[in-house]
Structure formats: structure tokens, C-alpha cells
């Protein structure tokens, strides 16, 4: 457990700033390139358009922040693994966007006084319909669900429910298609394993250097 009275111990939380930092790359590249593909299927055409799901979609950033802070308090190593996986996944997604850019055809938002229409119009206006495969919303939300094991039963259930709602919302508000969801989940599984391997290698090298330093000091 972290002693929050010692703020120096909380400094690793600053690594979370890598998420909005990497997000700048997404914002810059989220525009039509020379070749843009569509991965929409008949199943996507059959999927309903539900503007109200823009609410869980918009909770994405707070959801990531709350879960990652909770992980840091419960299990710092798992925090670093999850954050590393998240960043690796985002970078991998950006590389895919460069060579295989996809788009989604957006429906017309109902002109109604409801909050959902206003919020969805805001999302559409500030997020162009490109760079869809794999879905970063799905990638990161799925990682939060995978990493929630240190929490209690109620918290795990809430994380799973919120993460699932965000994943489902990407399709129901027509920000992504089903293939984007599958790609985000598959990528999350890969980078979660890769991040664990990288951390293990880093820790092993650190232990080896510490052992070498201790041996040298003993020889003296």
C-alpha cells in the first residue's frame, strides 16, 4: 500500500500524463489520408444507433484515471504493467493508422432538445471519423477490466460494468464498427503480455546490476 502522506511515493502517477500526451498524435493524424478503408459489415448495419450511449463513451478519460490511480494504491507493479500496456497499445494503434486508415459513416444526429443529442454532436465535432481500427477506447477499457483483480468484488463489478458500457458505446453511437472492437481487444491481450515481459526483463536487469554493485563493494 502507498503511504499518501509521503507525496514522493505518488510521483509515478505522473506517468499517466503519457496518455493525453500520446493523444496529441491521434488528434493530429485524425484526418482523411490518401487511402481510407471501411470495415463495416452487415452486422454493423443491423446494430442500432443509440445516442444515449454517448454518456459512457464520454466517461472514458475519468474511468482510466480512477482505475489507474486505484491500481497504483493497490498494486504498483500492476499499475506500471497496465500503464505500459496501454501506452504500447496506443503507439501500435497509431502505427496501424498510418498504414491502414479506416473510417466510419456517421448517421445524422436527431435534432432534439435532449442532452444526448447535444453531447453526441460535441463528440462528432471534436473527433473526426478516421483512425478507427483498432479502437483505442476499446483497447484501454478492456485493459482496465483485465487489471482490476486487486480490487474488491463490488469495485471489480463496477469496473467491468463501466468498461463494458464504454466498449459497447463505441458501436452504438457509430464511432466504430464491430471489427474495430475485436481489434482493440486482441491488441489489448497482446500488449498486456508484452508489458509483463518488458517489466520482468527490466527488473531482472536491475537486480543483476544491484548484485554486481554489491559484489564489487564486498571485494573492496
C-alpha atoms as a PDB file:
ATOM      1  CA  UNK A   1       0.000   0.000   0.000  1.00  0.00           C
ATOM      2  CA  UNK A   2       1.126   3.545  -0.749  1.00  0.00           C
ATOM      3  CA  UNK A   3       1.699   5.977   2.101  1.00  0.00           C
ATOM      4  CA  UNK A   4      -0.085   9.025   0.703  1.00  0.00           C
ATOM      5  CA  UNK A   5       1.410  11.261   3.381  1.00  0.00           C
ATOM      6  CA  UNK A   6       4.683  10.904   1.511  1.00  0.00           C
ATOM      7  CA  UNK A   7       3.979  12.653  -1.799  1.00  0.00           C
ATOM      8  CA  UNK A   8       7.261  11.441  -3.261  1.00  0.00           C
ATOM      9  CA  UNK A   9       5.780   7.961  -3.392  1.00  0.00           C
ATOM     10  CA  UNK A  10       2.948   9.258  -5.586  1.00  0.00           C
ATOM     11  CA  UNK A  11       5.268  10.663  -8.246  1.00  0.00           C
ATOM     12  CA  UNK A  12       4.877   7.606 -10.521  1.00  0.00           C
ATOM     13  CA  UNK A  13       1.289   8.747 -11.110  1.00  0.00           C
ATOM     14  CA  UNK A  14       2.769  11.480 -13.292  1.00  0.00           C
ATOM     15  CA  UNK A  15       3.457   8.783 -15.896  1.00  0.00           C
ATOM     16  CA  UNK A  16      -0.280   8.867 -16.568  1.00  0.00           C
ATOM     17  CA  UNK A  17       0.334  12.134 -18.399  1.00  0.00           C
ATOM     18  CA  UNK A  18       1.688   9.962 -21.211  1.00  0.00           C
ATOM     19  CA  UNK A  19      -1.922   9.153 -22.116  1.00  0.00           C
ATOM     20  CA  UNK A  20      -3.013  12.690 -23.099  1.00  0.00           C
ATOM     21  CA  UNK A  21       0.497  13.249 -24.436  1.00  0.00           C
ATOM     22  CA  UNK A  22       0.157  10.356 -26.868  1.00  0.00           C
ATOM     23  CA  UNK A  23      -3.381  11.510 -27.595  1.00  0.00           C
ATOM     24  CA  UNK A  24      -1.937  14.559 -29.336  1.00  0.00           C
ATOM     25  CA  UNK A  25      -0.615  12.237 -32.061  1.00  0.00           C
ATOM     26  CA  UNK A  26      -4.124  10.869 -32.556  1.00  0.00           C
ATOM     27  CA  UNK A  27      -5.595  14.356 -32.862  1.00  0.00           C
ATOM     28  CA  UNK A  28      -3.029  15.412 -35.448  1.00  0.00           C
ATOM     29  CA  UNK A  29      -3.409  12.283 -37.579  1.00  0.00           C
ATOM     30  CA  UNK A  30      -7.209  12.000 -37.330  1.00  0.00           C
ATOM     31  CA  UNK A  31      -7.971  13.297 -40.811  1.00  0.00           C
ATOM     32  CA  UNK A  32      -8.542  11.707 -44.198  1.00  0.00           C
ATOM     33  CA  UNK A  33      -5.419  10.331 -45.863  1.00  0.00           C
ATOM     34  CA  UNK A  34      -4.887   9.229 -49.445  1.00  0.00           C
ATOM     35  CA  UNK A  35      -6.381   5.771 -48.886  1.00  0.00           C
ATOM     36  CA  UNK A  36      -9.211   5.285 -46.409  1.00  0.00           C
ATOM     37  CA  UNK A  37     -10.945   1.944 -45.914  1.00  0.00           C
ATOM     38  CA  UNK A  38     -14.243   0.839 -44.408  1.00  0.00           C
ATOM     39  CA  UNK A  39     -14.549  -2.305 -42.271  1.00  0.00           C
ATOM     40  CA  UNK A  40     -18.303  -2.055 -41.867  1.00  0.00           C
ATOM     41  CA  UNK A  41     -20.293  -5.277 -42.207  1.00  0.00           C
ATOM     42  CA  UNK A  42     -23.979  -6.158 -42.482  1.00  0.00           C
ATOM     43  CA  UNK A  43     -23.945  -6.781 -38.752  1.00  0.00           C
ATOM     44  CA  UNK A  44     -22.928  -3.164 -38.218  1.00  0.00           C
ATOM     45  CA  UNK A  45     -25.822  -2.062 -40.420  1.00  0.00           C
ATOM     46  CA  UNK A  46     -28.146  -4.057 -38.155  1.00  0.00           C
ATOM     47  CA  UNK A  47     -26.710  -2.533 -34.966  1.00  0.00           C
ATOM     48  CA  UNK A  48     -28.992   0.196 -33.593  1.00  0.00           C
ATOM     49  CA  UNK A  49     -27.950   3.811 -33.245  1.00  0.00           C
ATOM     50  CA  UNK A  50     -28.416   4.800 -29.588  1.00  0.00           C
ATOM     51  CA  UNK A  51     -27.309   8.406 -28.913  1.00  0.00           C
ATOM     52  CA  UNK A  52     -27.756   7.992 -25.132  1.00  0.00           C
ATOM     53  CA  UNK A  53     -24.676   5.741 -25.072  1.00  0.00           C
ATOM     54  CA  UNK A  54     -22.574   8.830 -25.643  1.00  0.00           C
ATOM     55  CA  UNK A  55     -22.593   9.186 -21.849  1.00  0.00           C
ATOM     56  CA  UNK A  56     -20.489   6.079 -21.054  1.00  0.00           C
ATOM     57  CA  UNK A  57     -18.381   6.877 -24.117  1.00  0.00           C
ATOM     58  CA  UNK A  58     -17.595  10.305 -22.648  1.00  0.00           C
ATOM     59  CA  UNK A  59     -16.619   8.799 -19.278  1.00  0.00           C
ATOM     60  CA  UNK A  60     -13.548   7.215 -20.868  1.00  0.00           C
ATOM     61  CA  UNK A  61     -10.847   9.571 -19.535  1.00  0.00           C
ATOM     62  CA  UNK A  62     -12.203   9.725 -15.943  1.00  0.00           C
ATOM     63  CA  UNK A  63     -12.624   5.946 -15.985  1.00  0.00           C
ATOM     64  CA  UNK A  64      -8.988   5.389 -16.953  1.00  0.00           C
ATOM     65  CA  UNK A  65      -7.752   7.876 -14.363  1.00  0.00           C
ATOM     66  CA  UNK A  66      -9.770   6.412 -11.479  1.00  0.00           C
ATOM     67  CA  UNK A  67      -8.816   2.806 -12.227  1.00  0.00           C
ATOM     68  CA  UNK A  68      -5.122   3.568 -12.746  1.00  0.00           C
ATOM     69  CA  UNK A  69      -4.907   5.584  -9.515  1.00  0.00           C
ATOM     70  CA  UNK A  70      -6.654   2.754  -7.689  1.00  0.00           C
ATOM     71  CA  UNK A  71      -4.232   0.244  -9.175  1.00  0.00           C
ATOM     72  CA  UNK A  72      -1.284   2.337  -8.041  1.00  0.00           C
ATOM     73  CA  UNK A  73      -2.606   2.290  -4.490  1.00  0.00           C
ATOM     74  CA  UNK A  74      -3.362  -1.435  -4.517  1.00  0.00           C
ATOM     75  CA  UNK A  75      -0.537  -2.882  -6.609  1.00  0.00           C
ATOM     76  CA  UNK A  76       2.125  -0.512  -8.012  1.00  0.00           C
ATOM     77  CA  UNK A  77       3.669  -3.208 -10.185  1.00  0.00           C
ATOM     78  CA  UNK A  78       0.331  -3.964 -11.824  1.00  0.00           C
ATOM     79  CA  UNK A  79      -0.166  -0.225 -12.274  1.00  0.00           C
ATOM     80  CA  UNK A  80       3.093   0.027 -14.222  1.00  0.00           C
ATOM     81  CA  UNK A  81       2.262  -3.078 -16.247  1.00  0.00           C
ATOM     82  CA  UNK A  82      -1.178  -1.783 -17.184  1.00  0.00           C
ATOM     83  CA  UNK A  83       0.025   1.720 -17.994  1.00  0.00           C
ATOM     84  CA  UNK A  84       2.888   0.322 -20.082  1.00  0.00           C
ATOM     85  CA  UNK A  85       0.473  -1.940 -21.951  1.00  0.00           C
ATOM     86  CA  UNK A  86      -1.853   0.993 -22.536  1.00  0.00           C
ATOM     87  CA  UNK A  87       0.925   3.157 -23.983  1.00  0.00           C
ATOM     88  CA  UNK A  88       2.270   0.295 -26.104  1.00  0.00           C
ATOM     89  CA  UNK A  89      -1.218  -0.306 -27.439  1.00  0.00           C
ATOM     90  CA  UNK A  90      -1.754   3.350 -28.287  1.00  0.00           C
ATOM     91  CA  UNK A  91       1.567   3.588 -30.135  1.00  0.00           C
ATOM     92  CA  UNK A  92       0.816   0.371 -32.031  1.00  0.00           C
ATOM     93  CA  UNK A  93      -2.606   1.723 -32.979  1.00  0.00           C
ATOM     94  CA  UNK A  94      -1.066   4.930 -34.324  1.00  0.00           C
ATOM     95  CA  UNK A  95       1.304   2.918 -36.496  1.00  0.00           C
ATOM     96  CA  UNK A  96      -1.663   0.958 -37.870  1.00  0.00           C
ATOM     97  CA  UNK A  97      -3.489   4.210 -38.601  1.00  0.00           C
ATOM     98  CA  UNK A  98      -0.581   5.430 -40.717  1.00  0.00           C
ATOM     99  CA  UNK A  99      -0.577   2.371 -42.980  1.00  0.00           C
ATOM    100  CA  UNK A 100      -4.211   1.286 -42.767  1.00  0.00           C
ATOM    101  CA  UNK A 101      -6.578   4.155 -42.105  1.00  0.00           C
ATOM    102  CA  UNK A 102     -10.248   3.332 -41.686  1.00  0.00           C
ATOM    103  CA  UNK A 103     -13.404   5.383 -41.364  1.00  0.00           C
ATOM    104  CA  UNK A 104     -16.983   5.026 -40.158  1.00  0.00           C
ATOM    105  CA  UNK A 105     -20.055   6.538 -41.780  1.00  0.00           C
ATOM    106  CA  UNK A 106     -21.871   8.517 -39.128  1.00  0.00           C
ATOM    107  CA  UNK A 107     -25.656   8.790 -39.023  1.00  0.00           C
ATOM    108  CA  UNK A 108     -27.499  12.064 -38.682  1.00  0.00           C
ATOM    109  CA  UNK A 109     -27.915  13.022 -35.049  1.00  0.00           C
ATOM    110  CA  UNK A 110     -31.581  13.603 -34.112  1.00  0.00           C
ATOM    111  CA  UNK A 111     -32.383  17.291 -33.746  1.00  0.00           C
ATOM    112  CA  UNK A 112     -33.891  17.082 -30.307  1.00  0.00           C
ATOM    113  CA  UNK A 113     -33.555  19.051 -27.068  1.00  0.00           C
ATOM    114  CA  UNK A 114     -32.198  16.001 -25.254  1.00  0.00           C
ATOM    115  CA  UNK A 115     -28.762  16.177 -23.676  1.00  0.00           C
ATOM    116  CA  UNK A 116     -27.639  13.081 -25.596  1.00  0.00           C
ATOM    117  CA  UNK A 117     -28.003  14.787 -28.980  1.00  0.00           C
ATOM    118  CA  UNK A 118     -26.071  17.844 -27.821  1.00  0.00           C
ATOM    119  CA  UNK A 119     -23.280  15.750 -26.297  1.00  0.00           C
ATOM    120  CA  UNK A 120     -23.049  13.493 -29.337  1.00  0.00           C
ATOM    121  CA  UNK A 121     -22.846  16.497 -31.660  1.00  0.00           C
ATOM    122  CA  UNK A 122     -19.984  17.756 -29.497  1.00  0.00           C
ATOM    123  CA  UNK A 123     -18.177  14.399 -29.754  1.00  0.00           C
ATOM    124  CA  UNK A 124     -18.656  14.239 -33.517  1.00  0.00           C
ATOM    125  CA  UNK A 125     -17.442  17.816 -33.950  1.00  0.00           C
ATOM    126  CA  UNK A 126     -14.259  17.227 -31.960  1.00  0.00           C
ATOM    127  CA  UNK A 127     -13.359  13.721 -33.168  1.00  0.00           C
ATOM    128  CA  UNK A 128     -13.139  13.129 -36.904  1.00  0.00           C
ATOM    129  CA  UNK A 129     -14.412   9.731 -38.166  1.00  0.00           C
ATOM    130  CA  UNK A 130     -10.983   8.319 -39.027  1.00  0.00           C
ATOM    131  CA  UNK A 131      -8.328   6.231 -37.263  1.00  0.00           C
ATOM    132  CA  UNK A 132     -10.917   3.666 -36.191  1.00  0.00           C
ATOM    133  CA  UNK A 133      -9.151   0.269 -36.329  1.00  0.00           C
ATOM    134  CA  UNK A 134      -8.259  -0.778 -33.706  1.00  0.00           C
ATOM    135  CA  UNK A 135     -10.412   1.180 -31.272  1.00  0.00           C
ATOM    136  CA  UNK A 136      -8.364   2.885 -28.563  1.00  0.00           C
ATOM    137  CA  UNK A 137     -11.474   3.288 -26.399  1.00  0.00           C
ATOM    138  CA  UNK A 138     -11.894  -0.493 -26.521  1.00  0.00           C
ATOM    139  CA  UNK A 139      -8.180  -1.248 -26.095  1.00  0.00           C
ATOM    140  CA  UNK A 140      -7.817   0.840 -22.957  1.00  0.00           C
ATOM    141  CA  UNK A 141     -11.175  -0.010 -21.377  1.00  0.00           C
ATOM    142  CA  UNK A 142     -10.503  -3.720 -21.841  1.00  0.00           C
ATOM    143  CA  UNK A 143      -7.102  -3.314 -20.171  1.00  0.00           C
ATOM    144  CA  UNK A 144      -8.782  -1.742 -17.141  1.00  0.00           C
ATOM    145  CA  UNK A 145     -11.109  -4.746 -16.899  1.00  0.00           C
ATOM    146  CA  UNK A 146      -8.175  -7.184 -17.160  1.00  0.00           C
ATOM    147  CA  UNK A 147      -6.172  -5.393 -14.476  1.00  0.00           C
ATOM    148  CA  UNK A 148      -8.917  -4.929 -11.857  1.00  0.00           C
ATOM    149  CA  UNK A 149      -8.200  -8.098  -9.854  1.00  0.00           C
ATOM    150  CA  UNK A 150      -6.650  -6.310  -6.803  1.00  0.00           C
ATOM    151  CA  UNK A 151      -9.955  -4.535  -6.101  1.00  0.00           C
ATOM    152  CA  UNK A 152     -12.825  -5.841  -4.035  1.00  0.00           C
ATOM    153  CA  UNK A 153     -15.782  -7.627  -5.565  1.00  0.00           C
ATOM    154  CA  UNK A 154     -18.008  -4.539  -5.771  1.00  0.00           C
ATOM    155  CA  UNK A 155     -15.266  -2.416  -7.331  1.00  0.00           C
ATOM    156  CA  UNK A 156     -14.395  -5.144  -9.848  1.00  0.00           C
ATOM    157  CA  UNK A 157     -18.045  -5.367 -10.827  1.00  0.00           C
ATOM    158  CA  UNK A 158     -18.283  -1.598 -11.290  1.00  0.00           C
ATOM    159  CA  UNK A 159     -15.100  -1.518 -13.376  1.00  0.00           C
ATOM    160  CA  UNK A 160     -16.303  -4.398 -15.531  1.00  0.00           C
ATOM    161  CA  UNK A 161     -19.708  -2.774 -15.992  1.00  0.00           C
ATOM    162  CA  UNK A 162     -18.294   0.651 -16.858  1.00  0.00           C
ATOM    163  CA  UNK A 163     -15.609  -0.747 -19.144  1.00  0.00           C
ATOM    164  CA  UNK A 164     -18.127  -2.918 -20.970  1.00  0.00           C
ATOM    165  CA  UNK A 165     -20.515   0.017 -21.353  1.00  0.00           C
ATOM    166  CA  UNK A 166     -17.726   2.101 -22.916  1.00  0.00           C
ATOM    167  CA  UNK A 167     -16.814  -0.728 -25.289  1.00  0.00           C
ATOM    168  CA  UNK A 168     -20.438  -1.242 -26.342  1.00  0.00           C
ATOM    169  CA  UNK A 169     -20.962   2.508 -26.712  1.00  0.00           C
ATOM    170  CA  UNK A 170     -18.297   2.760 -29.430  1.00  0.00           C
ATOM    171  CA  UNK A 171     -20.571   0.735 -31.720  1.00  0.00           C
ATOM    172  CA  UNK A 172     -23.942   2.087 -30.578  1.00  0.00           C
ATOM    173  CA  UNK A 173     -23.011   5.717 -31.243  1.00  0.00           C
ATOM    174  CA  UNK A 174     -21.367   4.723 -34.537  1.00  0.00           C
ATOM    175  CA  UNK A 175     -17.861   5.792 -33.629  1.00  0.00           C
ATOM    176  CA  UNK A 176     -16.586   2.320 -34.508  1.00  0.00           C
ATOM    177  CA  UNK A 177     -17.600  -0.897 -36.182  1.00  0.00           C
ATOM    178  CA  UNK A 178     -17.508  -4.384 -34.728  1.00  0.00           C
ATOM    179  CA  UNK A 179     -14.144  -5.241 -36.318  1.00  0.00           C
ATOM    180  CA  UNK A 180     -12.635  -2.221 -34.543  1.00  0.00           C
ATOM    181  CA  UNK A 181     -13.834  -3.656 -31.237  1.00  0.00           C
ATOM    182  CA  UNK A 182     -12.348  -7.069 -31.973  1.00  0.00           C
ATOM    183  CA  UNK A 183      -9.061  -5.452 -32.990  1.00  0.00           C
ATOM    184  CA  UNK A 184      -8.908  -3.408 -29.791  1.00  0.00           C
ATOM    185  CA  UNK A 185      -9.500  -6.468 -27.597  1.00  0.00           C
ATOM    186  CA  UNK A 186      -6.937  -8.570 -29.474  1.00  0.00           C
ATOM    187  CA  UNK A 187      -4.335  -5.822 -29.260  1.00  0.00           C
ATOM    188  CA  UNK A 188      -5.023  -5.401 -25.527  1.00  0.00           C
ATOM    189  CA  UNK A 189      -4.345  -9.087 -24.932  1.00  0.00           C
ATOM    190  CA  UNK A 190      -1.052  -8.874 -26.834  1.00  0.00           C
ATOM    191  CA  UNK A 191       0.327  -5.724 -25.209  1.00  0.00           C
ATOM    192  CA  UNK A 192      -0.735  -6.864 -21.727  1.00  0.00           C
ATOM    193  CA  UNK A 193       1.512  -9.913 -22.091  1.00  0.00           C
ATOM    194  CA  UNK A 194       4.259  -7.893 -23.765  1.00  0.00           C
ATOM    195  CA  UNK A 195       4.251  -5.284 -20.991  1.00  0.00           C
ATOM    196  CA  UNK A 196       4.655  -8.004 -18.354  1.00  0.00           C
ATOM    197  CA  UNK A 197       7.646  -9.432 -20.252  1.00  0.00           C
ATOM    198  CA  UNK A 198       9.262  -5.990 -20.556  1.00  0.00           C
ATOM    199  CA  UNK A 199       8.812  -5.296 -16.837  1.00  0.00           C
ATOM    200  CA  UNK A 200      10.244  -8.679 -15.903  1.00  0.00           C
ATOM    201  CA  UNK A 201      13.281  -8.095 -18.085  1.00  0.00           C
ATOM    202  CA  UNK A 202      13.775  -4.625 -16.622  1.00  0.00           C
ATOM    203  CA  UNK A 203      13.505  -5.890 -13.045  1.00  0.00           C
ATOM    204  CA  UNK A 204      15.887  -8.782 -13.734  1.00  0.00           C
ATOM    205  CA  UNK A 205      18.489  -6.414 -15.173  1.00  0.00           C
ATOM    206  CA  UNK A 206      18.076  -4.067 -12.208  1.00  0.00           C
ATOM    207  CA  UNK A 207      18.577  -6.950  -9.773  1.00  0.00           C
ATOM    208  CA  UNK A 208      21.642  -8.105 -11.707  1.00  0.00           C
ATOM    209  CA  UNK A 209      23.192  -4.627 -11.597  1.00  0.00           C
ATOM    210  CA  UNK A 210      22.442  -4.356  -7.885  1.00  0.00           C
ATOM    211  CA  UNK A 211      24.060  -7.745  -7.272  1.00  0.00           C
ATOM    212  CA  UNK A 212      27.133  -6.733  -9.289  1.00  0.00           C
ATOM    213  CA  UNK A 213      27.440  -3.482  -7.362  1.00  0.00           C
ATOM    214  CA  UNK A 214      27.177  -5.337  -4.069  1.00  0.00           C
ATOM    215  CA  UNK A 215      29.833  -7.841  -5.160  1.00  0.00           C
ATOM    216  CA  UNK A 216      32.210  -5.053  -6.142  1.00  0.00           C
ATOM    217  CA  UNK A 217      31.727  -3.312  -2.833  1.00  0.00           C
ATOM    218  CA  UNK A 218      32.447  -6.571  -0.984  1.00  0.00           C
ATOM    219  CA  UNK A 219      35.655  -7.093  -2.981  1.00  0.00           C
ATOM    220  CA  UNK A 220      36.892  -3.711  -1.860  1.00  0.00           C
END
